[in-house]
Amino acid sequence: MKNKLQSKNTDVVIVGAGPAGCAASMHLSKLGVDHMLLEKECFPRDKICGDALSGKVVDFFRKTNTTWLNEIDHRSAQFLPSNGVIFGAPNKQVLKVPFSTNSNQNKQAPGFISRRIDFDTFLASKVKNRLMENTEVLSAKRQNDIWEIQTNQRVIKSKIIISAAGAQSNWARKTHNFKIEKDHFCAGLRAYYNGVSGLDPQGFIELHFVKDILPGYFWIFPMAEGYANIGLGMLSSQISKDKINLKQKLQEVLALPQFKERFKSANLEGEILGWGLPLGSKKRPLSDDGILLTGDAASLIDPFTGEGIGNALNSGKLAAECAHLAIQSKNFAQSFLKQHYDQLVYQKLWSELRLSRIMQKLVRFPWLFNLVVNKANKNTTLRHTITCMFEDVDLRAKLKSPKFYLNLLRN
């Protein structure tokens, strides 16, 4: 006879110990909420990703725990400081844009690049007292406002579940009937190379909008110890329409004249791996009775850049605050959670996500991208304005205005 699994009661169960799950755990601990963080794998474990940690990530740690940010800043073998982005236009012209106009205001770099195996292990180390590794959720049922969660380790009873299990979240698929919508879903490839030439000494990441893959892009992200994360991301709808083989397309891009010499002496480390990115280009329900979706499970990836870690961390924080309020109010209904979670998430993120969706559509018109890059390279004021757009969503809204492009044509 099998031994009966031990039962445990808690207020909140977080499923998935990636950035969203760890952020939720960090803030639940701050709020004094009893919880458990479940991770089906064991750290260190990898996740396919572009590995860029944006200013949102730096800001999250600055507000959560500056000591942790200092740790990141001093781990040079794992975290490479990144000071900006290089945009490559379809006409092969490039535009170098710093991440911040106030680079001397803070001691830390405005961004970092780190392999997810290192970054996620770092996050997990900060919540290890709540973390249960090798713990897989097998089933869950809810009765009388209490979840009974069956795992391979034990049975857990909880008032709220925070789903941070990524794009393949069972909660997103089953609870919210989430389905892949190809126009709001991106397929990506990631590979690690060493020996790539021409990497920026200040850690500027590169986003190249090559004509054949629009509205997707090719990236080159410099990393510590001479490595680079390179990859390709395209809308699933475009891949289906043109019957594109992504791995073949990546090799075609690497063979283009502007990249061929840079990869002449480069060596591939490991395999070229693929994954899916649920984009935040449309609003979706983020909660149900007793459950909150965060990070990739909530489809909060930026439609233009593909960056998701910053939004995952922020959604995890908001989920923790909502769970705390729900427990205090003894109200776990979807209507309550929607008001105190869904609405706050979109209040914080939707302006930027919506603009990124517009920018994603604009790059379908290569001449517009070429125009902006060409003009910015000749105009210091315009370059400064574009830098400011990384810090101010209201300024970035200019990119959706026809007047902005008319003025460029006149000047």
Protein backbone atom coordinates (compact mmCIF):
# COMPACT_ATOMS: atom_id res chain seq x y z
CA MET A 1 0.00 0.00 0.00
CA LYS A 2 1.30 3.45 -0.90
CA ASN A 3 2.01 5.84 1.94
CA LYS A 4 -0.48 8.67 2.22
CA LEU A 5 1.08 11.99 1.24
CA GLN A 6 1.58 14.45 4.07
CA SER A 7 -0.84 17.39 4.04
CA LYS A 8 0.16 21.02 4.48
CA ASN A 9 -1.97 24.16 4.88
CA THR A 10 -0.87 27.60 3.71
CA ASP A 11 -2.41 30.86 2.51
CA VAL A 12 -0.88 31.05 -0.97
CA VAL A 13 0.71 28.52 -3.31
CA ILE A 14 2.93 29.83 -6.10
CA VAL A 15 3.42 27.42 -9.00
CA GLY A 16 6.70 28.05 -10.80
CA ALA A 17 9.92 29.59 -9.43
CA GLY A 18 10.93 31.73 -12.39
CA PRO A 19 11.07 35.54 -12.20
CA ALA A 20 7.31 36.01 -11.65
CA GLY A 21 7.07 33.29 -9.01
CA CYS A 22 10.16 34.43 -7.11
CA ALA A 23 8.98 38.07 -7.21
CA ALA A 24 5.62 37.01 -5.78
CA SER A 25 7.38 35.05 -3.02
CA MET A 26 9.70 37.97 -2.18
CA HIS A 27 6.77 40.33 -1.71
CA LEU A 28 4.53 37.85 0.10
CA SER A 29 7.37 37.44 2.59
CA LYS A 30 7.60 41.22 2.98
CA LEU A 31 3.87 41.31 3.64
CA GLY A 32 4.06 38.48 6.16
CA VAL A 33 1.84 36.10 4.14
CA ASP A 34 2.39 32.38 4.67
CA HIS A 35 3.04 30.70 1.33
CA MET A 36 4.83 27.94 -0.55
CA LEU A 37 6.75 28.24 -3.83
CA LEU A 38 6.65 25.08 -5.96
CA GLU A 39 9.16 24.30 -8.71
CA LYS A 40 8.93 21.06 -10.65
CA GLU A 41 12.66 21.08 -11.50
CA CYS A 42 15.77 21.48 -9.36
CA PHE A 43 18.09 24.49 -9.47
CA PRO A 44 20.23 25.24 -11.33
CA ARG A 45 17.92 24.73 -14.29
CA ASP A 46 17.90 26.51 -17.64
CA LYS A 47 15.18 28.35 -19.56
CA ILE A 48 15.37 29.31 -23.21
CA CYS A 49 15.47 33.11 -23.32
CA GLY A 50 17.19 36.12 -24.86
CA ASP A 51 18.84 36.65 -21.44
CA ALA A 52 18.54 40.46 -21.44
CA LEU A 53 17.66 42.11 -18.11
CA SER A 54 16.13 45.49 -18.89
CA GLY A 55 15.88 48.67 -16.86
CA LYS A 56 12.61 47.31 -15.45
CA VAL A 57 14.57 44.49 -13.82
CA VAL A 58 17.12 46.91 -12.35
CA ASP A 59 14.29 49.13 -11.10
CA PHE A 60 12.53 46.14 -9.51
CA PHE A 61 15.61 45.25 -7.46
CA ARG A 62 16.29 48.88 -6.62
CA LYS A 63 12.81 49.07 -5.07
CA THR A 64 12.80 45.56 -3.58
CA ASN A 65 16.30 45.10 -2.17
CA THR A 66 19.29 47.26 -3.19
CA THR A 67 21.67 44.75 -1.59
CA TRP A 68 20.60 42.15 -4.16
CA LEU A 69 21.16 44.68 -6.95
CA ASN A 70 24.67 45.31 -5.63
CA GLU A 71 25.28 41.54 -5.71
CA ILE A 72 24.26 41.45 -9.38
CA ASP A 73 26.51 44.42 -10.11
CA HIS A 74 29.52 42.62 -8.63
CA ARG A 75 29.02 39.23 -10.28
CA SER A 76 30.93 40.07 -13.46
CA ALA A 77 31.29 36.43 -14.51
CA GLN A 78 27.49 36.02 -14.62
CA PHE A 79 26.03 39.49 -15.20
CA LEU A 80 27.38 41.67 -18.00
CA PRO A 81 26.43 45.37 -17.66
CA SER A 82 24.44 46.64 -20.65
CA ASN A 83 24.18 50.34 -21.42
CA GLY A 84 21.98 50.53 -24.48
CA VAL A 85 20.64 49.06 -27.69
CA ILE A 86 21.84 49.13 -31.29
CA PHE A 87 18.99 49.09 -33.79
CA GLY A 88 19.77 47.73 -37.24
CA ALA A 89 17.42 49.04 -39.92
CA PRO A 90 16.38 47.04 -43.01
CA ASN A 91 18.73 49.24 -45.09
CA LYS A 92 21.65 48.01 -42.88
CA GLN A 93 22.11 51.40 -41.21
CA VAL A 94 22.48 51.17 -37.42
CA LEU A 95 21.41 53.49 -34.63
CA LYS A 96 23.09 53.35 -31.20
CA VAL A 97 20.72 54.36 -28.40
CA PRO A 98 21.74 54.51 -24.70
CA PHE A 99 19.21 53.05 -22.26
CA SER A 100 19.29 56.11 -20.04
CA THR A 101 19.94 59.85 -20.22
CA ASN A 102 20.94 59.76 -16.53
CA SER A 103 23.67 57.14 -16.63
CA ASN A 104 25.63 58.82 -13.84
CA GLN A 105 22.66 59.11 -11.48
CA ASN A 106 22.91 55.52 -10.25
CA LYS A 107 26.01 53.45 -9.65
CA GLN A 108 24.63 50.38 -11.41
CA ALA A 109 24.36 49.90 -15.14
CA PRO A 110 20.86 50.54 -16.56
CA GLY A 111 20.62 46.91 -17.68
CA PHE A 112 22.39 43.54 -17.58
CA ILE A 113 22.72 40.38 -19.65
CA SER A 114 22.79 37.03 -17.88
CA ARG A 115 22.12 33.43 -18.80
CA ARG A 116 18.79 32.42 -17.34
CA ILE A 117 20.39 29.44 -15.62
CA ASP A 118 22.41 31.96 -13.57
CA PHE A 119 19.70 34.60 -13.11
CA ASP A 120 16.97 32.17 -12.06
CA THR A 121 19.35 30.43 -9.64
CA PHE A 122 20.17 33.84 -8.15
CA LEU A 123 16.46 34.60 -7.71
CA ALA A 124 15.77 31.18 -6.17
CA SER A 125 18.55 31.71 -3.62
CA LYS A 126 16.63 34.72 -2.27
CA VAL A 127 13.47 32.72 -1.59
CA LYS A 128 14.97 29.34 -0.64
CA ASN A 129 13.17 29.25 2.72
CA ARG A 130 9.85 29.06 0.83
CA LEU A 131 11.00 27.01 -2.15
CA MET A 132 10.06 23.36 -2.74
CA GLU A 133 12.07 21.97 -5.66
CA ASN A 134 11.27 18.76 -7.56
CA THR A 135 7.62 19.40 -6.76
CA GLU A 136 5.17 18.95 -9.61
CA VAL A 137 1.48 19.83 -9.42
CA LEU A 138 -0.51 16.75 -10.48
CA SER A 139 -4.02 18.05 -9.92
CA ALA A 140 -5.98 20.77 -8.12
CA LYS A 141 -9.59 21.16 -7.12
CA ARG A 142 -11.35 24.00 -5.34
CA GLN A 143 -14.12 23.64 -2.79
CA ASN A 144 -15.50 26.14 -0.25
CA ASP A 145 -12.89 28.75 -1.23
CA ILE A 146 -10.01 26.32 -0.58
CA TRP A 147 -7.69 24.76 -3.16
CA GLU A 148 -6.58 21.19 -2.60
CA ILE A 149 -3.41 20.75 -4.63
CA GLN A 150 -2.00 17.29 -5.23
CA THR A 151 1.75 17.23 -5.90
CA ASN A 152 4.25 14.41 -6.18
CA GLN A 153 5.52 15.37 -2.72
CA ARG A 154 2.46 16.23 -0.64
CA VAL A 155 -1.10 17.54 -0.61
CA ILE A 156 -1.33 21.29 -0.05
CA LYS A 157 -4.40 23.27 0.92
CA SER A 158 -4.38 26.94 -0.02
CA LYS A 159 -6.69 29.94 -0.34
CA ILE A 160 -5.05 31.31 -3.49
CA ILE A 161 -2.90 29.97 -6.30
CA ILE A 162 -0.48 32.28 -8.11
CA SER A 163 0.38 30.67 -11.44
CA ALA A 164 3.89 31.52 -12.57
CA ALA A 165 4.47 28.38 -14.61
CA GLY A 166 5.31 30.14 -17.86
CA ALA A 167 3.84 29.94 -21.34
CA GLN A 168 2.85 26.30 -20.88
CA SER A 169 0.87 26.98 -17.71
CA ASN A 170 -1.94 24.46 -17.21
CA TRP A 171 -3.89 27.15 -15.40
CA ALA A 172 -3.79 29.46 -18.41
CA ARG A 173 -4.92 26.66 -20.71
CA LYS A 174 -7.53 24.98 -18.53
CA THR A 175 -8.85 27.70 -16.24
CA HIS A 176 -8.95 30.46 -18.84
CA ASN A 177 -9.28 28.35 -21.98
CA PHE A 178 -6.08 29.96 -23.25
CA LYS A 179 -5.30 29.12 -26.87
CA ILE A 180 -2.40 30.14 -29.05
CA GLU A 181 -3.45 33.00 -31.33
CA LYS A 182 -0.77 33.14 -34.00
CA ASP A 183 -1.02 36.90 -34.45
CA HIS A 184 -0.31 37.33 -30.72
CA PHE A 185 2.33 34.63 -30.38
CA CYS A 186 5.99 34.63 -31.33
CA ALA A 187 8.31 31.72 -32.06
CA GLY A 188 11.95 32.21 -31.14
CA LEU A 189 15.31 30.49 -31.52
CA ARG A 190 18.25 30.92 -29.17
CA ALA A 191 21.87 29.91 -29.58
CA TYR A 192 25.08 30.61 -27.67
CA TYR A 193 28.21 31.48 -29.65
CA ASN A 194 31.72 32.40 -28.65
CA GLY A 195 34.13 34.30 -30.87
CA VAL A 196 31.56 36.68 -32.40
CA SER A 197 33.43 39.81 -33.50
CA GLY A 198 32.26 43.41 -33.25
CA LEU A 199 30.44 43.09 -29.91
CA ASP A 200 29.93 46.45 -28.24
CA PRO A 201 32.43 47.12 -25.39
CA GLN A 202 29.67 48.78 -23.32
CA GLY A 203 27.37 45.79 -23.62
CA PHE A 204 24.87 47.39 -26.01
CA ILE A 205 22.44 44.73 -27.19
CA GLU A 206 21.71 44.51 -30.93
CA LEU A 207 18.27 44.23 -32.53
CA HIS A 208 18.44 43.89 -36.32
CA PHE A 209 15.25 44.27 -38.34
CA VAL A 210 16.19 42.31 -41.42
CA LYS A 211 13.77 42.73 -44.31
CA ASP A 212 13.09 39.01 -44.83
CA ILE A 213 11.96 38.44 -41.23
CA LEU A 214 9.83 41.53 -40.57
CA PRO A 215 7.95 42.13 -38.31
CA GLY A 216 10.39 39.88 -36.44
CA TYR A 217 14.04 40.57 -35.72
CA PHE A 218 17.49 39.04 -35.32
CA TRP A 219 19.37 39.73 -32.09
CA ILE A 220 22.95 39.63 -30.88
CA PHE A 221 23.35 40.09 -27.13
CA PRO A 222 26.93 40.22 -25.78
CA MET A 223 27.53 38.17 -22.65
CA ALA A 224 30.20 37.69 -20.00
CA GLU A 225 33.41 35.83 -20.82
CA GLY A 226 33.26 36.53 -24.56
CA TYR A 227 30.00 34.76 -25.37
CA ALA A 228 26.95 36.05 -27.19
CA ASN A 229 23.29 35.06 -27.14
CA ILE A 230 22.05 35.19 -30.70
CA GLY A 231 18.58 34.44 -31.95
CA LEU A 232 15.62 35.06 -34.14
CA GLY A 233 12.02 35.87 -33.31
CA MET A 234 9.05 35.97 -35.68
CA LEU A 235 5.28 36.13 -35.36
CA SER A 236 3.74 32.68 -35.61
CA SER A 237 1.20 34.02 -38.10
CA GLN A 238 4.03 35.08 -40.44
CA ILE A 239 5.79 31.73 -40.03
CA SER A 240 2.61 29.87 -40.96
CA LYS A 241 1.76 32.18 -43.84
CA ASP A 242 5.21 31.93 -45.48
CA LYS A 243 5.91 28.33 -44.33
CA ILE A 244 9.18 29.41 -42.73
CA ASN A 245 11.71 27.01 -41.25
CA LEU A 246 13.17 29.12 -38.42
CA LYS A 247 16.47 27.23 -38.11
CA GLN A 248 17.03 27.53 -41.84
CA LYS A 249 16.10 31.21 -41.73
CA LEU A 250 18.60 31.81 -38.93
CA GLN A 251 21.40 30.32 -41.03
CA GLU A 252 20.34 32.54 -43.95
CA VAL A 253 20.54 35.62 -41.73
CA LEU A 254 24.00 34.65 -40.42
CA ALA A 255 25.17 34.37 -44.04
CA LEU A 256 24.10 37.94 -44.90
CA PRO A 257 27.00 40.30 -45.73
CA GLN A 258 26.51 42.46 -42.61
CA PHE A 259 26.85 39.43 -40.32
CA LYS A 260 28.94 36.87 -42.22
CA GLU A 261 32.34 38.28 -41.25
CA ARG A 262 31.33 38.72 -37.62
CA PHE A 263 30.55 35.00 -37.33
CA LYS A 264 33.49 33.84 -39.45
CA SER A 265 35.49 32.62 -36.42
CA ALA A 266 32.53 32.05 -34.08
CA ASN A 267 31.69 28.66 -32.61
CA LEU A 268 28.26 27.39 -31.60
CA GLU A 269 28.02 26.19 -28.00
CA GLY A 270 25.41 23.47 -27.52
CA GLU A 271 22.21 23.32 -29.54
CA ILE A 272 20.00 25.87 -31.24
CA LEU A 273 16.81 25.75 -29.18
CA GLY A 274 13.32 27.08 -29.80
CA TRP A 275 10.47 28.29 -27.61
CA GLY A 276 7.19 30.17 -27.79
CA LEU A 277 6.43 33.66 -26.49
CA PRO A 278 2.82 34.63 -25.66
CA LEU A 279 2.73 38.33 -26.45
CA GLY A 280 0.94 41.00 -24.46
CA SER A 281 -0.57 42.50 -27.59
CA LYS A 282 -4.16 41.98 -26.45
CA LYS A 283 -5.89 42.11 -23.10
CA ARG A 284 -6.77 38.79 -21.53
CA PRO A 285 -8.37 37.80 -18.19
CA LEU A 286 -5.59 37.41 -15.62
CA SER A 287 -7.60 35.97 -12.73
CA ASP A 288 -10.35 33.57 -11.78
CA ASP A 289 -11.86 32.50 -8.47
CA GLY A 290 -8.86 31.99 -6.19
CA ILE A 291 -6.22 32.18 -8.92
CA LEU A 292 -3.90 34.82 -10.40
CA LEU A 293 -1.83 34.47 -13.58
CA THR A 294 1.59 36.14 -13.76
CA GLY A 295 4.47 36.57 -16.21
CA ASP A 296 4.38 34.44 -19.36
CA ALA A 297 1.36 32.54 -18.01
CA ALA A 298 -0.45 35.90 -18.22
CA SER A 299 0.92 36.63 -21.74
CA LEU A 300 2.76 39.82 -20.76
CA ILE A 301 5.73 39.68 -23.15
CA ASP A 302 6.51 42.93 -24.97
CA PRO A 303 5.31 42.55 -28.60
CA PHE A 304 8.11 44.70 -30.05
CA THR A 305 11.23 43.60 -28.19
CA GLY A 306 10.17 40.18 -26.89
CA GLU A 307 11.32 41.18 -23.38
CA GLY A 308 9.32 39.50 -20.63
CA ILE A 309 11.40 39.33 -17.44
CA GLY A 310 10.65 42.88 -16.26
CA ASN A 311 6.91 42.43 -16.71
CA ALA A 312 7.09 39.03 -15.02
CA LEU A 313 8.74 40.51 -11.93
CA ASN A 314 6.24 43.37 -11.73
CA SER A 315 3.22 41.12 -12.22
CA GLY A 316 4.54 38.81 -9.48
CA LYS A 317 4.77 41.76 -7.11
CA LEU A 318 1.23 42.91 -7.95
CA ALA A 319 -0.10 39.36 -7.52
CA ALA A 320 1.44 39.18 -4.05
CA GLU A 321 -0.16 42.48 -3.06
CA CYS A 322 -3.54 41.37 -4.40
CA ALA A 323 -3.31 37.99 -2.61
CA HIS A 324 -2.53 39.79 0.65
CA LEU A 325 -5.54 42.07 0.22
CA ALA A 326 -7.82 39.13 -0.68
CA ILE A 327 -6.78 37.22 2.43
CA GLN A 328 -7.37 40.28 4.63
CA SER A 329 -10.78 40.82 3.00
CA LYS A 330 -11.61 37.09 2.90
CA ASN A 331 -12.72 37.61 -0.67
CA PHE A 332 -11.31 35.32 -3.36
CA ALA A 333 -13.96 35.85 -6.05
CA GLN A 334 -12.87 36.66 -9.58
CA SER A 335 -14.70 40.00 -9.44
CA PHE A 336 -12.59 41.07 -6.45
CA LEU A 337 -9.31 39.77 -7.91
CA LYS A 338 -10.02 41.37 -11.28
CA GLN A 339 -10.49 44.75 -9.62
CA HIS A 340 -7.34 44.47 -7.52
CA TYR A 341 -5.07 42.60 -9.94
CA ASP A 342 -6.13 42.56 -13.60
CA GLN A 343 -6.95 46.24 -13.63
CA LEU A 344 -3.75 47.23 -11.83
CA VAL A 345 -1.55 45.10 -14.11
CA TYR A 346 -3.00 46.69 -17.23
CA GLN A 347 -3.00 50.13 -15.62
CA LYS A 348 0.75 49.72 -15.13
CA LEU A 349 1.66 47.89 -18.35
CA TRP A 350 -0.99 48.36 -21.03
CA SER A 351 0.15 51.76 -22.39
CA GLU A 352 3.58 50.33 -23.09
CA LEU A 353 2.28 47.02 -24.43
CA ARG A 354 -0.16 48.78 -26.75
CA LEU A 355 2.56 51.07 -28.10
CA SER A 356 4.87 48.11 -28.62
CA ARG A 357 2.12 46.44 -30.63
CA ILE A 358 1.88 49.56 -32.81
CA MET A 359 5.67 49.62 -33.24
CA GLN A 360 5.57 45.93 -34.16
CA LYS A 361 3.11 46.77 -36.93
CA LEU A 362 5.12 49.79 -38.11
CA VAL A 363 8.22 47.70 -38.84
CA ARG A 364 6.19 45.97 -41.52
CA PHE A 365 6.99 49.15 -43.47
CA PRO A 366 10.81 49.08 -43.85
CA TRP A 367 10.99 52.58 -45.29
CA LEU A 368 9.62 54.05 -42.04
CA PHE A 369 12.26 52.30 -39.96
CA ASN A 370 14.97 53.35 -42.42
CA LEU A 371 13.73 56.94 -42.27
CA VAL A 372 13.92 57.14 -38.47
CA VAL A 373 17.39 55.57 -38.30
CA ASN A 374 18.80 57.70 -41.12
CA LYS A 375 17.47 60.94 -39.63
CA ALA A 376 18.53 60.06 -36.07
CA ASN A 377 22.09 59.37 -37.18
CA LYS A 378 22.25 62.91 -38.58
CA ASN A 379 20.35 64.68 -35.81
CA THR A 380 21.61 64.79 -32.22
CA THR A 381 18.30 66.09 -30.88
CA LEU A 382 16.35 63.22 -32.46
CA ARG A 383 18.84 60.67 -31.05
CA HIS A 384 18.35 62.18 -27.60
CA THR A 385 14.56 62.08 -28.04
CA ILE A 386 14.66 58.37 -28.94
CA THR A 387 16.82 57.70 -25.85
CA CYS A 388 14.23 59.50 -23.72
CA MET A 389 11.52 57.31 -25.23
CA PHE A 390 13.02 54.34 -23.39
CA GLU A 391 12.33 56.13 -20.12
CA ASP A 392 9.02 57.83 -20.90
CA VAL A 393 6.04 55.97 -22.40
CA ASP A 394 4.27 59.26 -23.15
CA LEU A 395 7.18 60.37 -25.31
CA ARG A 396 7.23 56.97 -27.02
CA ALA A 397 3.63 57.58 -28.04
CA LYS A 398 4.97 59.99 -30.66
CA LEU A 399 6.00 56.97 -32.73
CA LYS A 400 2.35 56.20 -33.50
CA SER A 401 1.64 59.72 -34.74
CA PRO A 402 1.78 60.37 -38.51
CA LYS A 403 2.89 63.92 -37.63
CA PHE A 404 6.13 62.52 -36.20
CA TYR A 405 7.07 60.99 -39.57
CA LEU A 406 5.88 64.03 -41.56
CA ASN A 407 8.21 66.22 -39.51
CA LEU A 408 11.06 63.81 -40.22
CA LEU A 409 10.39 64.05 -43.96
CA ARG A 410 10.41 67.85 -43.80
CA ASN A 411 13.70 68.11 -41.89
